[in-house]
Amino acid sequence: TGGEDLRVIKTSEILRDSGHTVVE
């Protein structure tokens, strides 16, 4: 696990917190 993986997780989290539906 590196910076890119953490960025993916964080991006998904930010989008969900902003009210978007995220499909993985």
PDB file of all heavy atoms in Angstrom:
ATOM      1  N   THR A   1       0.822  -1.205   0.000  1.00  0.00           N
ATOM      2  CA  THR A   1       0.000   0.000   0.000  1.00  0.00           C
ATOM      3  C   THR A   1       0.859   1.259   0.000  1.00  0.00           C
ATOM      4  O   THR A   1       1.760   1.412   0.826  1.00  0.00           O
ATOM      5  CB  THR A   1      -0.933   0.021   1.221  1.00  0.00           C
ATOM      6  OG1 THR A   1      -1.742  -1.145   1.189  1.00  0.00           O
ATOM      7  CG2 THR A   1      -1.829   1.249   1.199  1.00  0.00           C
ATOM      8  N   GLY A   2       0.594   2.145  -0.947  1.00  0.00           N
ATOM      9  CA  GLY A   2       1.358   3.383  -1.047  1.00  0.00           C
ATOM     10  C   GLY A   2       0.457   4.595  -1.160  1.00  0.00           C
ATOM     11  O   GLY A   2      -0.758   4.520  -0.932  1.00  0.00           O
ATOM     12  N   GLY A   3       1.056   5.715  -1.556  1.00  0.00           N
ATOM     13  CA  GLY A   3       0.329   6.968  -1.624  1.00  0.00           C
ATOM     14  C   GLY A   3      -0.841   6.938  -2.592  1.00  0.00           C
ATOM     15  O   GLY A   3      -1.900   7.520  -2.321  1.00  0.00           O
ATOM     16  N   GLU A   4      -0.672   6.258  -3.737  1.00  0.00           N
ATOM     17  CA  GLU A   4      -1.749   6.219  -4.722  1.00  0.00           C
ATOM     18  C   GLU A   4      -2.959   5.454  -4.176  1.00  0.00           C
ATOM     19  O   GLU A   4      -4.110   5.879  -4.363  1.00  0.00           O
ATOM     20  CB  GLU A   4      -1.266   5.569  -6.020  1.00  0.00           C
ATOM     21  CG  GLU A   4      -2.299   5.615  -7.122  1.00  0.00           C
ATOM     22  CD  GLU A   4      -1.786   5.082  -8.447  1.00  0.00           C
ATOM     23  OE1 GLU A   4      -0.596   4.705  -8.528  1.00  0.00           O
ATOM     24  OE2 GLU A   4      -2.580   5.042  -9.409  1.00  0.00           O
ATOM     25  N   ASP A   5      -2.697   4.329  -3.504  1.00  0.00           N
ATOM     26  CA  ASP A   5      -3.797   3.556  -2.918  1.00  0.00           C
ATOM     27  C   ASP A   5      -4.563   4.383  -1.890  1.00  0.00           C
ATOM     28  O   ASP A   5      -5.797   4.381  -1.853  1.00  0.00           O
ATOM     29  CB  ASP A   5      -3.255   2.290  -2.242  1.00  0.00           C
ATOM     30  CG  ASP A   5      -2.751   1.271  -3.250  1.00  0.00           C
ATOM     31  OD1 ASP A   5      -3.190   1.307  -4.400  1.00  0.00           O
ATOM     32  OD2 ASP A   5      -1.911   0.434  -2.866  1.00  0.00           O
ATOM     33  N   LEU A   6      -3.824   5.097  -1.042  1.00  0.00           N
ATOM     34  CA  LEU A   6      -4.464   5.926  -0.023  1.00  0.00           C
ATOM     35  C   LEU A   6      -5.272   7.056  -0.664  1.00  0.00           C
ATOM     36  O   LEU A   6      -6.332   7.443  -0.162  1.00  0.00           O
ATOM     37  CB  LEU A   6      -3.407   6.510   0.925  1.00  0.00           C
ATOM     38  CG  LEU A   6      -2.667   5.499   1.805  1.00  0.00           C
ATOM     39  CD1 LEU A   6      -1.532   6.179   2.554  1.00  0.00           C
ATOM     40  CD2 LEU A   6      -3.621   4.834   2.794  1.00  0.00           C
ATOM     41  N   ARG A   7      -4.773   7.574  -1.789  1.00  0.00           N
ATOM     42  CA  ARG A   7      -5.485   8.642  -2.486  1.00  0.00           C
ATOM     43  C   ARG A   7      -6.815   8.131  -3.039  1.00  0.00           C
ATOM     44  O   ARG A   7      -7.826   8.844  -3.022  1.00  0.00           O
ATOM     45  CB  ARG A   7      -4.623   9.192  -3.622  1.00  0.00           C
ATOM     46  CG  ARG A   7      -5.230  10.417  -4.285  1.00  0.00           C
ATOM     47  CD  ARG A   7      -4.420  10.859  -5.477  1.00  0.00           C
ATOM     48  NE  ARG A   7      -4.931  12.104  -6.039  1.00  0.00           N
ATOM     49  CZ  ARG A   7      -4.553  12.598  -7.212  1.00  0.00           C
ATOM     50  NH1 ARG A   7      -3.674  11.957  -7.935  1.00  0.00           N
ATOM     51  NH2 ARG A   7      -5.044  13.737  -7.657  1.00  0.00           N
ATOM     52  N   VAL A   8      -6.823   6.885  -3.522  1.00  0.00           N
ATOM     53  CA  VAL A   8      -8.056   6.290  -4.035  1.00  0.00           C
ATOM     54  C   VAL A   8      -9.100   6.199  -2.923  1.00  0.00           C
ATOM     55  O   VAL A   8     -10.257   6.595  -3.088  1.00  0.00           O
ATOM     56  CB  VAL A   8      -7.789   4.886  -4.609  1.00  0.00           C
ATOM     57  CG1 VAL A   8      -9.101   4.186  -4.966  1.00  0.00           C
ATOM     58  CG2 VAL A   8      -6.892   4.966  -5.840  1.00  0.00           C
ATOM     59  N   ILE A   9      -8.660   5.681  -1.772  1.00  0.00           N
ATOM     60  CA  ILE A   9      -9.565   5.519  -0.628  1.00  0.00           C
ATOM     61  C   ILE A   9     -10.107   6.878  -0.183  1.00  0.00           C
ATOM     62  O   ILE A   9     -11.303   7.032   0.088  1.00  0.00           O
ATOM     63  CB  ILE A   9      -8.822   4.821   0.532  1.00  0.00           C
ATOM     64  CG1 ILE A   9      -8.453   3.388   0.123  1.00  0.00           C
ATOM     65  CG2 ILE A   9      -9.683   4.805   1.792  1.00  0.00           C
ATOM     66  CD1 ILE A   9      -7.483   2.704   1.073  1.00  0.00           C
ATOM     67  N   LYS A  10      -9.224   7.876  -0.127  1.00  0.00           N
ATOM     68  CA  LYS A  10      -9.619   9.202   0.331  1.00  0.00           C
ATOM     69  C   LYS A  10     -10.540   9.882  -0.676  1.00  0.00           C
ATOM     70  O   LYS A  10     -11.523  10.547  -0.298  1.00  0.00           O
ATOM     71  CB  LYS A  10      -8.386  10.077   0.568  1.00  0.00           C
ATOM     72  CG  LYS A  10      -8.677  11.322   1.386  1.00  0.00           C
ATOM     73  CD  LYS A  10      -9.134  10.935   2.781  1.00  0.00           C
ATOM     74  CE  LYS A  10      -9.470  12.124   3.621  1.00  0.00           C
ATOM     75  NZ  LYS A  10      -9.930  11.730   4.972  1.00  0.00           N
ATOM     76  N   THR A  11     -10.252   9.720  -1.973  1.00  0.00           N
ATOM     77  CA  THR A  11     -11.102  10.306  -3.002  1.00  0.00           C
ATOM     78  C   THR A  11     -12.517   9.749  -2.917  1.00  0.00           C
ATOM     79  O   THR A  11     -13.505  10.486  -2.983  1.00  0.00           O
ATOM     80  CB  THR A  11     -10.517  10.039  -4.401  1.00  0.00           C
ATOM     81  OG1 THR A  11      -9.230  10.654  -4.508  1.00  0.00           O
ATOM     82  CG2 THR A  11     -11.420  10.598  -5.491  1.00  0.00           C
ATOM     83  N   SER A  12     -12.606   8.433  -2.743  1.00  0.00           N
ATOM     84  CA  SER A  12     -13.915   7.784  -2.601  1.00  0.00           C
ATOM     85  C   SER A  12     -14.661   8.330  -1.391  1.00  0.00           C
ATOM     86  O   SER A  12     -15.864   8.623  -1.450  1.00  0.00           O
ATOM     87  CB  SER A  12     -13.735   6.270  -2.475  1.00  0.00           C
ATOM     88  OG  SER A  12     -14.966   5.629  -2.261  1.00  0.00           O
ATOM     89  N   GLU A  13     -13.928   8.505  -0.307  1.00  0.00           N
ATOM     90  CA  GLU A  13     -14.522   9.022   0.937  1.00  0.00           C
ATOM     91  C   GLU A  13     -15.028  10.454   0.758  1.00  0.00           C
ATOM     92  O   GLU A  13     -16.141  10.793   1.181  1.00  0.00           O
ATOM     93  CB  GLU A  13     -13.473   8.970   2.049  1.00  0.00           C
ATOM     94  CG  GLU A  13     -13.948   9.456   3.397  1.00  0.00           C
ATOM     95  CD  GLU A  13     -12.826   9.448   4.424  1.00  0.00           C
ATOM     96  OE1 GLU A  13     -12.093   8.443   4.491  1.00  0.00           O
ATOM     97  OE2 GLU A  13     -12.673  10.451   5.144  1.00  0.00           O
ATOM     98  N   ILE A  14     -14.220  11.290   0.118  1.00  0.00           N
ATOM     99  CA  ILE A  14     -14.603  12.694  -0.103  1.00  0.00           C
ATOM    100  C   ILE A  14     -15.840  12.785  -0.987  1.00  0.00           C
ATOM    101  O   ILE A  14     -16.756  13.580  -0.735  1.00  0.00           O
ATOM    102  CB  ILE A  14     -13.425  13.472  -0.735  1.00  0.00           C
ATOM    103  CG1 ILE A  14     -12.289  13.634   0.274  1.00  0.00           C
ATOM    104  CG2 ILE A  14     -13.885  14.839  -1.237  1.00  0.00           C
ATOM    105  CD1 ILE A  14     -11.009  14.201  -0.314  1.00  0.00           C
ATOM    106  N   LEU A  15     -15.881  11.970  -2.045  1.00  0.00           N
ATOM    107  CA  LEU A  15     -17.033  11.985  -2.952  1.00  0.00           C
ATOM    108  C   LEU A  15     -18.307  11.558  -2.230  1.00  0.00           C
ATOM    109  O   LEU A  15     -19.370  12.166  -2.413  1.00  0.00           O
ATOM    110  CB  LEU A  15     -16.770  11.075  -4.153  1.00  0.00           C
ATOM    111  CG  LEU A  15     -15.700  11.565  -5.143  1.00  0.00           C
ATOM    112  CD1 LEU A  15     -15.394  10.484  -6.178  1.00  0.00           C
ATOM    113  CD2 LEU A  15     -16.154  12.850  -5.832  1.00  0.00           C
ATOM    114  N   ARG A  16     -18.207  10.521  -1.406  1.00  0.00           N
ATOM    115  CA  ARG A  16     -19.388  10.057  -0.654  1.00  0.00           C
ATOM    116  C   ARG A  16     -19.844  11.127   0.339  1.00  0.00           C
ATOM    117  O   ARG A  16     -21.046  11.374   0.500  1.00  0.00           O
ATOM    118  CB  ARG A  16     -19.060   8.755   0.079  1.00  0.00           C
ATOM    119  CG  ARG A  16     -19.020   7.533  -0.839  1.00  0.00           C
ATOM    120  CD  ARG A  16     -19.017   6.241  -0.021  1.00  0.00           C
ATOM    121  NE  ARG A  16     -19.173   5.075  -0.880  1.00  0.00           N
ATOM    122  CZ  ARG A  16     -18.181   4.301  -1.291  1.00  0.00           C
ATOM    123  NH1 ARG A  16     -16.943   4.577  -0.910  1.00  0.00           N
ATOM    124  NH2 ARG A  16     -18.408   3.263  -2.063  1.00  0.00           N
ATOM    125  N   ASP A  17     -18.871  11.757   1.013  1.00  0.00           N
ATOM    126  CA  ASP A  17     -19.216  12.815   1.971  1.00  0.00           C
ATOM    127  C   ASP A  17     -19.875  14.002   1.284  1.00  0.00           C
ATOM    128  O   ASP A  17     -20.601  14.768   1.918  1.00  0.00           O
ATOM    129  CB  ASP A  17     -17.951  13.284   2.717  1.00  0.00           C
ATOM    130  CG  ASP A  17     -17.423  12.238   3.697  1.00  0.00           C
ATOM    131  OD1 ASP A  17     -18.163  11.266   3.973  1.00  0.00           O
ATOM    132  OD2 ASP A  17     -16.284  12.387   4.171  1.00  0.00           O
ATOM    133  N   SER A  18     -19.602  14.151  -0.022  1.00  0.00           N
ATOM    134  CA  SER A  18     -20.181  15.258  -0.783  1.00  0.00           C
ATOM    135  C   SER A  18     -21.543  14.904  -1.379  1.00  0.00           C
ATOM    136  O   SER A  18     -22.115  15.684  -2.137  1.00  0.00           O
ATOM    137  CB  SER A  18     -19.220  15.665  -1.913  1.00  0.00           C
ATOM    138  OG  SER A  18     -17.969  16.061  -1.378  1.00  0.00           O
ATOM    139  N   GLY A  19     -22.027  13.697  -1.040  1.00  0.00           N
ATOM    140  CA  GLY A  19     -23.364  13.312  -1.478  1.00  0.00           C
ATOM    141  C   GLY A  19     -23.432  12.506  -2.759  1.00  0.00           C
ATOM    142  O   GLY A  19     -24.525  12.225  -3.259  1.00  0.00           O
ATOM    143  N   HIS A  20     -22.283  12.131  -3.313  1.00  0.00           N
ATOM    144  CA  HIS A  20     -22.271  11.348  -4.547  1.00  0.00           C
ATOM    145  C   HIS A  20     -22.369   9.846  -4.234  1.00  0.00           C
ATOM    146  O   HIS A  20     -21.980   9.397  -3.147  1.00  0.00           O
ATOM    147  CB  HIS A  20     -21.007  11.625  -5.352  1.00  0.00           C
ATOM    148  CG  HIS A  20     -20.855  13.055  -5.756  1.00  0.00           C
ATOM    149  ND1 HIS A  20     -21.673  13.650  -6.686  1.00  0.00           N
ATOM    150  CD2 HIS A  20     -19.982  14.021  -5.340  1.00  0.00           C
ATOM    151  CE1 HIS A  20     -21.315  14.916  -6.846  1.00  0.00           C
ATOM    152  NE2 HIS A  20     -20.291  15.168  -6.028  1.00  0.00           N
ATOM    153  N   THR A  21     -22.837   9.083  -5.189  1.00  0.00           N
ATOM    154  CA  THR A  21     -22.858   7.629  -5.082  1.00  0.00           C
ATOM    155  C   THR A  21     -21.609   7.080  -5.756  1.00  0.00           C
ATOM    156  O   THR A  21     -21.331   7.411  -6.922  1.00  0.00           O
ATOM    157  CB  THR A  21     -24.104   7.036  -5.778  1.00  0.00           C
ATOM    158  OG1 THR A  21     -25.274   7.562  -5.152  1.00  0.00           O
ATOM    159  CG2 THR A  21     -24.110   5.514  -5.674  1.00  0.00           C
ATOM    160  N   VAL A  22     -20.840   6.291  -5.026  1.00  0.00           N
ATOM    161  CA  VAL A  22     -19.585   5.752  -5.556  1.00  0.00           C
ATOM    162  C   VAL A  22     -19.716   4.252  -5.780  1.00  0.00           C
ATOM    163  O   VAL A  22     -20.098   3.506  -4.869  1.00  0.00           O
ATOM    164  CB  VAL A  22     -18.404   6.046  -4.604  1.00  0.00           C
ATOM    165  CG1 VAL A  22     -17.124   5.384  -5.122  1.00  0.00           C
ATOM    166  CG2 VAL A  22     -18.196   7.546  -4.455  1.00  0.00           C
ATOM    167  N   VAL A  23     -19.412   3.821  -6.987  1.00  0.00           N
ATOM    168  CA  VAL A  23     -19.363   2.401  -7.336  1.00  0.00           C
ATOM    169  C   VAL A  23     -17.896   2.028  -7.524  1.00  0.00           C
ATOM    170  O   VAL A  23     -17.149   2.754  -8.187  1.00  0.00           O
ATOM    171  CB  VAL A  23     -20.153   2.118  -8.635  1.00  0.00           C
ATOM    172  CG1 VAL A  23     -20.079   0.644  -8.990  1.00  0.00           C
ATOM    173  CG2 VAL A  23     -21.595   2.572  -8.493  1.00  0.00           C
ATOM    174  N   GLU A  24     -17.473   0.933  -6.942  1.00  0.00           N
ATOM    175  CA  GLU A  24     -16.053   0.558  -6.960  1.00  0.00           C
ATOM    176  C   GLU A  24     -15.802  -0.659  -7.840  1.00  0.00           C
ATOM    177  O   GLU A  24     -16.530  -1.644  -7.768  1.00  0.00           O
ATOM    178  CB  GLU A  24     -15.573   0.278  -5.535  1.00  0.00           C
ATOM    179  CG  GLU A  24     -15.679   1.478  -4.605  1.00  0.00           C
ATOM    180  CD  GLU A  24     -15.469   1.101  -3.148  1.00  0.00           C
ATOM    181  OE1 GLU A  24     -15.490  -0.121  -2.851  1.00  0.00           O
ATOM    182  OE2 GLU A  24     -15.286   2.007  -2.319  1.00  0.00           O
TER     183      GLU A  24
END
